[in-house]
Amino acid sequence: MKTTILNFRLLMMMLSAVLVISCSAEDGEDGAIGPQGPQGEQGIQGAPGQDGTDGEDGNANIMASDWIASDFPTESSNYGSFSVNDTAITQNALDTWVILAYGKSGTYIVMLPDGIENDTYGFSLQIETIIFEAYTDDGTASVFDRFQEFRYVMIPASMAGKGSPIDFSKMDYYELMDYLGLEY
């Protein structure tokens, strides 16, 4: 009797193995596609089934001035300056934003400060004011007419600090404008 039960079990296992081995996925037909499941919930901004609100453009907080005509004194001196008032230059901007200024002569644009021969051009900042400055390195008199126009760009700390901090001062003017998505 033990031999019969043992033989019967052995026979059943062999038949099961043969059935499993002989079947393949290619033997049957594909089943019908089931119905689509319910719509999932939206994230935090929107209620289920509603779209969220659009965010601000990536460069919405960047401020770039128009090109400003040079207003340096026309007589020779060892120092000259002119200022531009701008309410966007707040104490917070002075403390946390990256503020860059440029001088333009024809198609030639350079970041300030910049020096050539005996003249150095730069800028300084106060609340609500940017001051464009030029001076001679040796104190002799000069006419500060190298640049016909000036421009400044203010980049919020949130943009300057995303991921790895970007050193915008290492970019030339055109690279910066392209990176920020601004017109030249």
N, C-alpha and C. Protein backbone atom coordinates (compact mmCIF):
# COMPACT_ATOMS: atom_id res chain seq x y z
N MET A 1 0.82 -1.17 0.00
CA MET A 1 0.00 0.00 0.00
C MET A 1 0.88 1.25 0.00
N LYS A 2 1.93 1.24 0.82
CA LYS A 2 2.83 2.37 0.85
C LYS A 2 3.45 2.58 -0.52
N THR A 3 3.77 1.51 -1.19
CA THR A 3 4.38 1.60 -2.50
C THR A 3 3.41 2.19 -3.50
N THR A 4 2.14 1.85 -3.42
CA THR A 4 1.14 2.37 -4.34
C THR A 4 0.94 3.86 -4.14
N ILE A 5 0.87 4.31 -2.90
CA ILE A 5 0.68 5.75 -2.61
C ILE A 5 1.93 6.51 -3.06
N LEU A 6 3.08 5.96 -2.81
CA LEU A 6 4.32 6.61 -3.20
C LEU A 6 4.42 6.71 -4.72
N ASN A 7 4.04 5.64 -5.41
CA ASN A 7 4.06 5.64 -6.88
C ASN A 7 3.05 6.64 -7.43
N PHE A 8 1.87 6.71 -6.79
CA PHE A 8 0.83 7.64 -7.24
C PHE A 8 1.32 9.09 -7.08
N ARG A 9 1.94 9.41 -5.97
CA ARG A 9 2.48 10.76 -5.75
C ARG A 9 3.57 11.10 -6.77
N LEU A 10 4.43 10.15 -7.02
CA LEU A 10 5.50 10.35 -7.97
C LEU A 10 4.94 10.59 -9.36
N LEU A 11 3.92 9.83 -9.73
CA LEU A 11 3.27 9.99 -11.03
C LEU A 11 2.62 11.37 -11.14
N MET A 12 1.99 11.85 -10.12
CA MET A 12 1.32 13.16 -10.12
C MET A 12 2.35 14.30 -10.24
N MET A 13 3.46 14.17 -9.55
CA MET A 13 4.50 15.19 -9.63
C MET A 13 5.09 15.24 -11.02
N MET A 14 5.30 14.10 -11.64
CA MET A 14 5.85 14.08 -12.99
C MET A 14 4.87 14.67 -13.99
N LEU A 15 3.58 14.36 -13.86
CA LEU A 15 2.58 14.95 -14.75
C LEU A 15 2.51 16.46 -14.57
N SER A 16 2.56 16.94 -13.35
CA SER A 16 2.55 18.39 -13.08
C SER A 16 3.76 19.07 -13.70
N ALA A 17 4.92 18.46 -13.57
CA ALA A 17 6.14 19.03 -14.14
C ALA A 17 6.05 19.09 -15.65
N VAL A 18 5.52 18.04 -16.29
CA VAL A 18 5.39 18.00 -17.74
C VAL A 18 4.43 19.11 -18.20
N LEU A 19 3.33 19.32 -17.50
CA LEU A 19 2.37 20.36 -17.87
C LEU A 19 2.97 21.75 -17.74
N VAL A 20 3.70 21.98 -16.67
CA VAL A 20 4.30 23.29 -16.45
C VAL A 20 5.36 23.56 -17.51
N ILE A 21 6.18 22.59 -17.83
CA ILE A 21 7.26 22.77 -18.79
C ILE A 21 6.72 22.94 -20.21
N SER A 22 5.66 22.24 -20.56
CA SER A 22 5.15 22.27 -21.93
C SER A 22 4.34 23.51 -22.25
N CYS A 23 3.89 24.29 -21.26
CA CYS A 23 3.12 25.51 -21.51
C CYS A 23 4.06 26.69 -21.71
N SER A 24 3.67 27.64 -22.58
CA SER A 24 4.45 28.86 -22.74
C SER A 24 3.49 30.03 -22.96
N ALA A 25 4.00 31.25 -22.86
CA ALA A 25 3.17 32.45 -23.01
C ALA A 25 2.66 32.60 -24.43
N GLU A 26 3.40 32.05 -25.41
CA GLU A 26 3.01 32.19 -26.80
C GLU A 26 1.86 31.26 -27.18
N ASP A 27 1.56 30.30 -26.34
CA ASP A 27 0.53 29.32 -26.68
C ASP A 27 -0.87 29.90 -26.65
N GLY A 28 -1.16 30.86 -25.76
CA GLY A 28 -2.52 31.38 -25.62
C GLY A 28 -2.68 32.72 -26.31
N GLU A 29 -3.92 33.21 -26.35
CA GLU A 29 -4.22 34.51 -26.92
C GLU A 29 -4.16 35.56 -25.81
N ASP A 30 -3.84 36.83 -26.22
CA ASP A 30 -3.84 37.91 -25.25
C ASP A 30 -5.27 38.19 -24.81
N GLY A 31 -5.40 38.54 -23.55
CA GLY A 31 -6.71 38.90 -23.03
C GLY A 31 -7.07 40.33 -23.40
N ALA A 32 -8.33 40.70 -23.22
CA ALA A 32 -8.78 42.06 -23.53
C ALA A 32 -8.20 43.03 -22.51
N ILE A 33 -7.96 44.27 -22.95
CA ILE A 33 -7.43 45.30 -22.07
C ILE A 33 -8.55 45.72 -21.13
N GLY A 34 -8.22 45.83 -19.85
CA GLY A 34 -9.22 46.20 -18.85
C GLY A 34 -9.53 47.69 -18.88
N PRO A 35 -10.57 48.11 -18.17
CA PRO A 35 -10.95 49.53 -18.15
C PRO A 35 -9.90 50.37 -17.41
N GLN A 36 -9.82 51.67 -17.76
CA GLN A 36 -8.86 52.58 -17.11
C GLN A 36 -9.30 52.83 -15.68
N GLY A 37 -8.32 52.94 -14.80
CA GLY A 37 -8.60 53.20 -13.39
C GLY A 37 -9.01 54.65 -13.16
N PRO A 38 -9.44 54.99 -11.93
CA PRO A 38 -9.85 56.37 -11.64
C PRO A 38 -8.67 57.34 -11.65
N GLN A 39 -8.96 58.61 -11.90
CA GLN A 39 -7.95 59.67 -11.92
C GLN A 39 -7.37 59.82 -10.52
N GLY A 40 -6.04 59.94 -10.42
CA GLY A 40 -5.39 60.15 -9.13
C GLY A 40 -5.55 61.59 -8.67
N GLU A 41 -5.25 61.85 -7.40
CA GLU A 41 -5.40 63.19 -6.84
C GLU A 41 -4.23 64.08 -7.24
N GLN A 42 -4.49 65.39 -7.34
CA GLN A 42 -3.45 66.37 -7.63
C GLN A 42 -2.59 66.58 -6.39
N GLY A 43 -1.49 67.27 -6.56
CA GLY A 43 -0.61 67.58 -5.44
C GLY A 43 -1.21 68.63 -4.54
N ILE A 44 -0.39 69.28 -3.76
CA ILE A 44 -0.81 70.22 -2.74
C ILE A 44 -1.55 71.42 -3.32
N GLN A 45 -1.11 71.93 -4.49
CA GLN A 45 -1.69 73.17 -5.01
C GLN A 45 -3.14 73.02 -5.44
N GLY A 46 -3.51 71.90 -5.98
CA GLY A 46 -4.85 71.78 -6.53
C GLY A 46 -5.68 70.76 -5.78
N ALA A 47 -6.98 70.94 -5.79
CA ALA A 47 -7.87 69.95 -5.22
C ALA A 47 -7.97 68.80 -6.20
N PRO A 48 -8.41 67.60 -5.76
CA PRO A 48 -8.53 66.48 -6.69
C PRO A 48 -9.36 66.87 -7.91
N GLY A 49 -8.79 66.58 -9.08
CA GLY A 49 -9.51 66.86 -10.32
C GLY A 49 -9.33 68.28 -10.83
N GLN A 50 -8.60 69.14 -10.12
CA GLN A 50 -8.39 70.51 -10.57
C GLN A 50 -6.91 70.72 -10.85
N ASP A 51 -6.62 71.58 -11.81
CA ASP A 51 -5.23 71.92 -12.09
C ASP A 51 -4.73 72.89 -11.04
N GLY A 52 -3.43 72.82 -10.73
CA GLY A 52 -2.81 73.79 -9.83
C GLY A 52 -2.58 75.11 -10.54
N THR A 53 -2.21 76.13 -9.79
CA THR A 53 -1.94 77.43 -10.40
C THR A 53 -0.55 77.44 -10.99
N ASP A 54 -0.37 78.23 -12.04
CA ASP A 54 0.93 78.33 -12.69
C ASP A 54 1.89 79.08 -11.78
N GLY A 55 3.15 78.66 -11.79
CA GLY A 55 4.18 79.35 -11.03
C GLY A 55 4.73 80.53 -11.81
N GLU A 56 5.63 81.30 -11.18
CA GLU A 56 6.26 82.44 -11.84
C GLU A 56 7.33 81.96 -12.80
N ASP A 57 7.61 82.76 -13.83
CA ASP A 57 8.71 82.46 -14.74
C ASP A 57 10.00 82.40 -13.94
N GLY A 58 10.96 81.62 -14.43
CA GLY A 58 12.22 81.44 -13.73
C GLY A 58 13.01 82.72 -13.54
N ASN A 59 12.87 83.69 -14.44
CA ASN A 59 13.64 84.92 -14.30
C ASN A 59 12.77 86.10 -13.91
N ALA A 60 11.60 85.84 -13.33
CA ALA A 60 10.66 86.91 -13.00
C ALA A 60 11.23 87.91 -12.00
N ASN A 61 12.10 87.49 -11.11
CA ASN A 61 12.63 88.38 -10.09
C ASN A 61 13.95 89.04 -10.47
N ILE A 62 14.52 88.63 -11.59
CA ILE A 62 15.77 89.24 -12.05
C ILE A 62 15.44 90.63 -12.57
N MET A 63 16.29 91.59 -12.23
CA MET A 63 16.07 92.96 -12.68
C MET A 63 17.27 93.39 -13.51
N ALA A 64 17.01 93.86 -14.71
CA ALA A 64 18.08 94.39 -15.56
C ALA A 64 17.66 95.78 -16.02
N SER A 65 18.54 96.73 -15.84
CA SER A 65 18.22 98.09 -16.27
C SER A 65 18.29 98.18 -17.79
N ASP A 66 17.73 99.24 -18.32
CA ASP A 66 17.97 99.57 -19.72
C ASP A 66 19.40 100.08 -19.82
N TRP A 67 19.89 100.24 -21.04
CA TRP A 67 21.19 100.88 -21.21
C TRP A 67 21.06 102.34 -20.85
N ILE A 68 21.96 102.83 -20.03
CA ILE A 68 21.95 104.20 -19.50
C ILE A 68 23.07 104.98 -20.16
N ALA A 69 22.73 106.11 -20.77
CA ALA A 69 23.75 106.95 -21.41
C ALA A 69 24.74 107.46 -20.37
N SER A 70 26.00 107.45 -20.73
CA SER A 70 27.04 107.95 -19.84
C SER A 70 26.79 109.43 -19.54
N ASP A 71 26.98 109.78 -18.28
CA ASP A 71 26.79 111.17 -17.87
C ASP A 71 28.01 111.66 -17.06
N PHE A 72 29.19 111.14 -17.44
CA PHE A 72 30.41 111.61 -16.80
C PHE A 72 30.67 113.05 -17.22
N PRO A 73 31.30 113.84 -16.35
CA PRO A 73 31.65 115.22 -16.72
C PRO A 73 32.50 115.22 -18.00
N THR A 74 32.31 116.24 -18.83
CA THR A 74 33.05 116.31 -20.09
C THR A 74 34.42 116.98 -19.95
N GLU A 75 34.67 117.64 -18.84
CA GLU A 75 35.99 118.25 -18.64
C GLU A 75 36.95 117.24 -18.01
N SER A 76 38.22 117.45 -18.21
CA SER A 76 39.25 116.56 -17.65
C SER A 76 39.30 116.68 -16.14
N SER A 77 39.45 115.53 -15.48
CA SER A 77 39.62 115.50 -14.03
C SER A 77 40.22 114.15 -13.67
N ASN A 78 40.55 113.98 -12.39
CA ASN A 78 41.09 112.69 -11.98
C ASN A 78 40.02 111.77 -11.40
N TYR A 79 38.77 112.28 -11.29
CA TYR A 79 37.64 111.49 -10.80
C TYR A 79 36.35 112.04 -11.40
N GLY A 80 35.46 111.13 -11.76
CA GLY A 80 34.14 111.53 -12.23
C GLY A 80 33.12 110.48 -11.84
N SER A 81 31.87 110.92 -11.70
CA SER A 81 30.81 109.97 -11.35
C SER A 81 29.46 110.52 -11.79
N PHE A 82 28.51 109.61 -11.90
CA PHE A 82 27.11 109.99 -12.07
C PHE A 82 26.28 108.88 -11.44
N SER A 83 25.09 109.22 -10.99
CA SER A 83 24.27 108.25 -10.27
C SER A 83 22.92 108.05 -10.96
N VAL A 84 22.34 106.90 -10.67
CA VAL A 84 21.03 106.53 -11.19
C VAL A 84 20.21 106.06 -9.99
N ASN A 85 19.03 106.63 -9.82
CA ASN A 85 18.14 106.21 -8.74
C ASN A 85 17.30 105.02 -9.18
N ASP A 86 17.15 104.04 -8.28
CA ASP A 86 16.35 102.85 -8.56
C ASP A 86 15.84 102.29 -7.24
N THR A 87 14.53 102.30 -7.04
CA THR A 87 13.94 101.82 -5.78
C THR A 87 14.10 100.31 -5.59
N ALA A 88 14.49 99.58 -6.64
CA ALA A 88 14.71 98.14 -6.50
C ALA A 88 16.00 97.85 -5.73
N ILE A 89 16.86 98.84 -5.60
CA ILE A 89 18.11 98.64 -4.85
C ILE A 89 17.80 98.90 -3.37
N THR A 90 17.30 97.87 -2.72
CA THR A 90 16.93 97.95 -1.31
C THR A 90 18.08 97.44 -0.44
N GLN A 91 17.93 97.58 0.86
CA GLN A 91 18.94 97.04 1.77
C GLN A 91 19.04 95.54 1.61
N ASN A 92 17.89 94.86 1.44
CA ASN A 92 17.90 93.41 1.23
C ASN A 92 18.67 93.06 -0.05
N ALA A 93 18.46 93.82 -1.12
CA ALA A 93 19.19 93.57 -2.38
C ALA A 93 20.69 93.78 -2.17
N LEU A 94 21.05 94.83 -1.46
CA LEU A 94 22.47 95.09 -1.19
C LEU A 94 23.10 93.96 -0.37
N ASP A 95 22.33 93.40 0.56
CA ASP A 95 22.85 92.37 1.45
C ASP A 95 22.91 90.98 0.82
N THR A 96 21.95 90.66 -0.07
CA THR A 96 21.83 89.27 -0.51
C THR A 96 21.87 89.04 -2.02
N TRP A 97 21.61 90.03 -2.83
CA TRP A 97 21.56 89.83 -4.28
C TRP A 97 22.95 89.99 -4.89
N VAL A 98 23.12 89.40 -6.06
CA VAL A 98 24.31 89.63 -6.88
C VAL A 98 23.98 90.79 -7.81
N ILE A 99 24.79 91.85 -7.76
CA ILE A 99 24.55 93.03 -8.61
C ILE A 99 25.80 93.24 -9.45
N LEU A 100 25.61 93.18 -10.76
CA LEU A 100 26.71 93.34 -11.71
C LEU A 100 26.44 94.55 -12.59
N ALA A 101 27.50 95.24 -13.00
CA ALA A 101 27.36 96.41 -13.88
C ALA A 101 28.29 96.25 -15.07
N TYR A 102 27.89 96.85 -16.18
CA TYR A 102 28.63 96.73 -17.44
C TYR A 102 28.78 98.09 -18.09
N GLY A 103 29.88 98.25 -18.81
CA GLY A 103 30.11 99.42 -19.65
C GLY A 103 30.10 98.98 -21.10
N LYS A 104 29.56 99.85 -21.98
CA LYS A 104 29.42 99.49 -23.39
C LYS A 104 30.02 100.60 -24.26
N SER A 105 30.84 100.17 -25.21
CA SER A 105 31.40 101.07 -26.21
C SER A 105 31.19 100.40 -27.56
N GLY A 106 30.23 100.87 -28.34
CA GLY A 106 29.87 100.19 -29.60
C GLY A 106 29.32 98.83 -29.29
N THR A 107 29.95 97.78 -29.82
CA THR A 107 29.51 96.41 -29.52
C THR A 107 30.37 95.78 -28.42
N TYR A 108 31.35 96.51 -27.94
CA TYR A 108 32.26 96.04 -26.89
C TYR A 108 31.61 96.27 -25.53
N ILE A 109 31.38 95.19 -24.77
CA ILE A 109 30.73 95.27 -23.45
C ILE A 109 31.62 94.56 -22.44
N VAL A 110 31.94 95.24 -21.33
CA VAL A 110 32.76 94.64 -20.29
C VAL A 110 32.11 94.82 -18.92
N MET A 111 32.44 93.89 -18.05
CA MET A 111 31.97 93.97 -16.67
C MET A 111 32.83 94.96 -15.90
N LEU A 112 32.19 95.72 -15.05
CA LEU A 112 32.90 96.66 -14.19
C LEU A 112 33.22 96.00 -12.86
N PRO A 113 34.33 96.30 -12.22
CA PRO A 113 35.29 97.33 -12.60
C PRO A 113 36.15 96.87 -13.77
N ASP A 114 36.64 97.85 -14.52
CA ASP A 114 37.49 97.59 -15.66
C ASP A 114 38.46 98.74 -15.82
N GLY A 115 39.69 98.43 -16.09
CA GLY A 115 40.69 99.46 -16.27
C GLY A 115 41.38 99.33 -17.61
N ILE A 116 41.71 100.45 -18.21
CA ILE A 116 42.49 100.48 -19.43
C ILE A 116 43.39 101.70 -19.36
N GLU A 117 44.62 101.49 -19.75
CA GLU A 117 45.65 102.53 -19.65
C GLU A 117 45.65 103.09 -18.23
N ASN A 118 45.34 104.34 -18.06
CA ASN A 118 45.42 104.98 -16.74
C ASN A 118 44.05 105.15 -16.09
N ASP A 119 42.97 104.74 -16.78
CA ASP A 119 41.61 104.96 -16.28
C ASP A 119 40.99 103.67 -15.75
N THR A 120 40.28 103.78 -14.65
CA THR A 120 39.53 102.65 -14.09
C THR A 120 38.08 103.07 -13.95
N TYR A 121 37.19 102.19 -14.43
CA TYR A 121 35.74 102.41 -14.33
C TYR A 121 35.17 101.39 -13.36
N GLY A 122 34.24 101.83 -12.54
CA GLY A 122 33.62 100.94 -11.57
C GLY A 122 32.24 101.46 -11.18
N PHE A 123 31.72 100.89 -10.11
CA PHE A 123 30.42 101.34 -9.60
C PHE A 123 30.36 101.07 -8.11
N SER A 124 29.50 101.81 -7.44
CA SER A 124 29.23 101.57 -6.03
C SER A 124 27.72 101.65 -5.84
N LEU A 125 27.27 101.13 -4.72
CA LEU A 125 25.83 101.02 -4.46
C LEU A 125 25.47 101.65 -3.14
N GLN A 126 24.32 102.28 -3.12
CA GLN A 126 23.69 102.76 -1.90
C GLN A 126 22.21 102.39 -2.02
N ILE A 127 21.49 102.49 -0.94
CA ILE A 127 20.06 102.21 -1.02
C ILE A 127 19.43 103.13 -2.05
N GLU A 128 18.74 102.53 -3.01
CA GLU A 128 18.03 103.19 -4.11
C GLU A 128 18.94 103.94 -5.08
N THR A 129 20.25 103.66 -5.08
CA THR A 129 21.16 104.38 -5.97
C THR A 129 22.32 103.50 -6.42
N ILE A 130 22.63 103.57 -7.71
CA ILE A 130 23.88 103.00 -8.23
C ILE A 130 24.70 104.18 -8.75
N ILE A 131 25.96 104.18 -8.40
CA ILE A 131 26.86 105.27 -8.78
C ILE A 131 27.93 104.70 -9.71
N PHE A 132 27.98 105.20 -10.93
CA PHE A 132 29.03 104.82 -11.86
C PHE A 132 30.20 105.78 -11.65
N GLU A 133 31.41 105.23 -11.53
CA GLU A 133 32.57 106.03 -11.19
C GLU A 133 33.72 105.75 -12.15
N ALA A 134 34.57 106.75 -12.31
CA ALA A 134 35.80 106.59 -13.08
C ALA A 134 36.87 107.44 -12.41
N TYR A 135 38.08 106.93 -12.41
CA TYR A 135 39.19 107.69 -11.83
C TYR A 135 40.48 107.31 -12.55
N THR A 136 41.45 108.19 -12.44
CA THR A 136 42.76 107.89 -13.01
C THR A 136 43.60 107.22 -11.93
N ASP A 137 44.39 106.26 -12.36
CA ASP A 137 45.19 105.49 -11.41
C ASP A 137 46.33 106.30 -10.79
N ASP A 138 46.82 107.29 -11.50
CA ASP A 138 47.96 108.05 -10.97
C ASP A 138 47.58 109.47 -10.56
N GLY A 139 46.29 109.81 -10.60
CA GLY A 139 45.84 111.13 -10.15
C GLY A 139 45.92 112.22 -11.21
N THR A 140 46.38 111.89 -12.41
CA THR A 140 46.41 112.91 -13.47
C THR A 140 45.01 113.10 -14.04
N ALA A 141 44.79 114.17 -14.77
CA ALA A 141 43.48 114.47 -15.34
C ALA A 141 43.21 113.63 -16.59
N SER A 142 41.94 113.27 -16.79
CA SER A 142 41.52 112.49 -17.94
C SER A 142 40.07 112.82 -18.27
N VAL A 143 39.67 112.60 -19.51
CA VAL A 143 38.26 112.69 -19.90
C VAL A 143 37.73 111.26 -19.93
N PHE A 144 36.69 110.98 -19.17
CA PHE A 144 36.18 109.61 -19.04
C PHE A 144 35.11 109.35 -20.09
N ASP A 145 35.58 108.99 -21.30
CA ASP A 145 34.66 108.79 -22.41
C ASP A 145 34.82 107.43 -23.08
N ARG A 146 35.41 106.49 -22.39
CA ARG A 146 35.62 105.15 -22.97
C ARG A 146 34.29 104.47 -23.26
N PHE A 147 33.33 104.57 -22.34
CA PHE A 147 32.02 103.91 -22.49
C PHE A 147 30.95 104.95 -22.75
N GLN A 148 30.06 104.64 -23.69
CA GLN A 148 28.95 105.53 -23.97
C GLN A 148 27.69 105.16 -23.18
N GLU A 149 27.60 103.90 -22.75
CA GLU A 149 26.41 103.44 -22.03
C GLU A 149 26.80 102.47 -20.91
N PHE A 150 25.91 102.39 -19.93
CA PHE A 150 26.11 101.49 -18.80
C PHE A 150 24.80 100.75 -18.51
N ARG A 151 24.93 99.58 -17.91
CA ARG A 151 23.76 98.77 -17.55
C ARG A 151 24.11 97.97 -16.31
N TYR A 152 23.10 97.67 -15.50
CA TYR A 152 23.33 96.81 -14.34
C TYR A 152 22.25 95.73 -14.28
N VAL A 153 22.61 94.60 -13.66
CA VAL A 153 21.74 93.44 -13.54
C VAL A 153 21.72 93.02 -12.08
N MET A 154 20.52 92.78 -11.56
CA MET A 154 20.36 92.35 -10.16
C MET A 154 19.78 90.94 -10.16
N ILE A 155 20.50 90.01 -9.51
CA ILE A 155 20.11 88.60 -9.48
C ILE A 155 19.82 88.22 -8.04
N PRO A 156 18.57 87.77 -7.76
CA PRO A 156 18.23 87.44 -6.37
C PRO A 156 19.05 86.28 -5.82
N ALA A 157 19.24 86.30 -4.52
CA ALA A 157 20.03 85.26 -3.85
C ALA A 157 19.45 83.88 -4.11
N SER A 158 18.13 83.75 -4.23
CA SER A 158 17.51 82.45 -4.45
C SER A 158 17.99 81.83 -5.76
N MET A 159 18.25 82.66 -6.77
CA MET A 159 18.74 82.13 -8.04
C MET A 159 20.23 81.87 -7.98
N ALA A 160 20.94 82.72 -7.32
CA ALA A 160 22.39 82.58 -7.24
C ALA A 160 22.78 81.39 -6.38
N GLY A 161 21.89 80.94 -5.49
CA GLY A 161 22.24 79.87 -4.58
C GLY A 161 21.64 78.52 -4.87
N LYS A 162 20.91 78.35 -5.99
CA LYS A 162 20.33 77.06 -6.31
C LYS A 162 21.42 76.04 -6.59
N GLY A 163 21.34 74.87 -5.96
CA GLY A 163 22.35 73.84 -6.19
C GLY A 163 23.73 74.36 -5.87
N SER A 164 24.64 74.16 -6.78
CA SER A 164 25.99 74.71 -6.62
C SER A 164 25.94 76.18 -6.94
N PRO A 165 26.49 77.03 -6.09
CA PRO A 165 26.47 78.47 -6.38
C PRO A 165 27.16 78.77 -7.71
N ILE A 166 26.57 79.65 -8.48
CA ILE A 166 27.11 80.03 -9.78
C ILE A 166 27.87 81.33 -9.61
N ASP A 167 29.07 81.39 -10.14
CA ASP A 167 29.85 82.62 -10.11
C ASP A 167 29.56 83.39 -11.39
N PHE A 168 28.54 84.26 -11.33
CA PHE A 168 28.12 85.01 -12.50
C PHE A 168 29.23 85.95 -12.99
N SER A 169 30.14 86.33 -12.12
CA SER A 169 31.21 87.25 -12.52
C SER A 169 32.21 86.59 -13.48
N LYS A 170 32.16 85.28 -13.59
CA LYS A 170 33.06 84.59 -14.53
C LYS A 170 32.44 84.47 -15.92
N MET A 171 31.18 84.86 -16.07
CA MET A 171 30.52 84.82 -17.37
C MET A 171 30.72 86.16 -18.07
N ASP A 172 30.89 86.12 -19.39
CA ASP A 172 30.90 87.40 -20.09
C ASP A 172 29.46 87.88 -20.22
N TYR A 173 29.28 89.08 -20.69
CA TYR A 173 27.95 89.71 -20.75
C TYR A 173 26.95 88.84 -21.53
N TYR A 174 27.35 88.36 -22.69
CA TYR A 174 26.43 87.59 -23.53
C TYR A 174 26.09 86.24 -22.91
N GLU A 175 27.05 85.59 -22.27
CA GLU A 175 26.78 84.33 -21.58
C GLU A 175 25.77 84.55 -20.46
N LEU A 176 25.93 85.64 -19.70
CA LEU A 176 25.02 85.93 -18.60
C LEU A 176 23.61 86.19 -19.11
N MET A 177 23.49 87.02 -20.16
CA MET A 177 22.16 87.32 -20.71
C MET A 177 21.49 86.04 -21.22
N ASP A 178 22.25 85.19 -21.90
CA ASP A 178 21.69 83.92 -22.38
C ASP A 178 21.27 83.04 -21.21
N TYR A 179 22.11 82.94 -20.19
CA TYR A 179 21.81 82.11 -19.03
C TYR A 179 20.54 82.58 -18.31
N LEU A 180 20.39 83.89 -18.19
CA LEU A 180 19.24 84.46 -17.49
C LEU A 180 18.01 84.62 -18.39
N GLY A 181 18.19 84.42 -19.69
CA GLY A 181 17.07 84.56 -20.62
C GLY A 181 16.68 86.02 -20.85
N LEU A 182 17.66 86.92 -20.81
CA LEU A 182 17.41 88.34 -21.00
C LEU A 182 17.91 88.79 -22.37
N GLU A 183 17.30 89.88 -22.86
CA GLU A 183 17.75 90.44 -24.14
C GLU A 183 19.06 91.19 -23.93
N TYR A 184 19.86 91.23 -25.00
CA TYR A 184 21.15 91.91 -24.94
C TYR A 184 20.95 93.41 -24.81
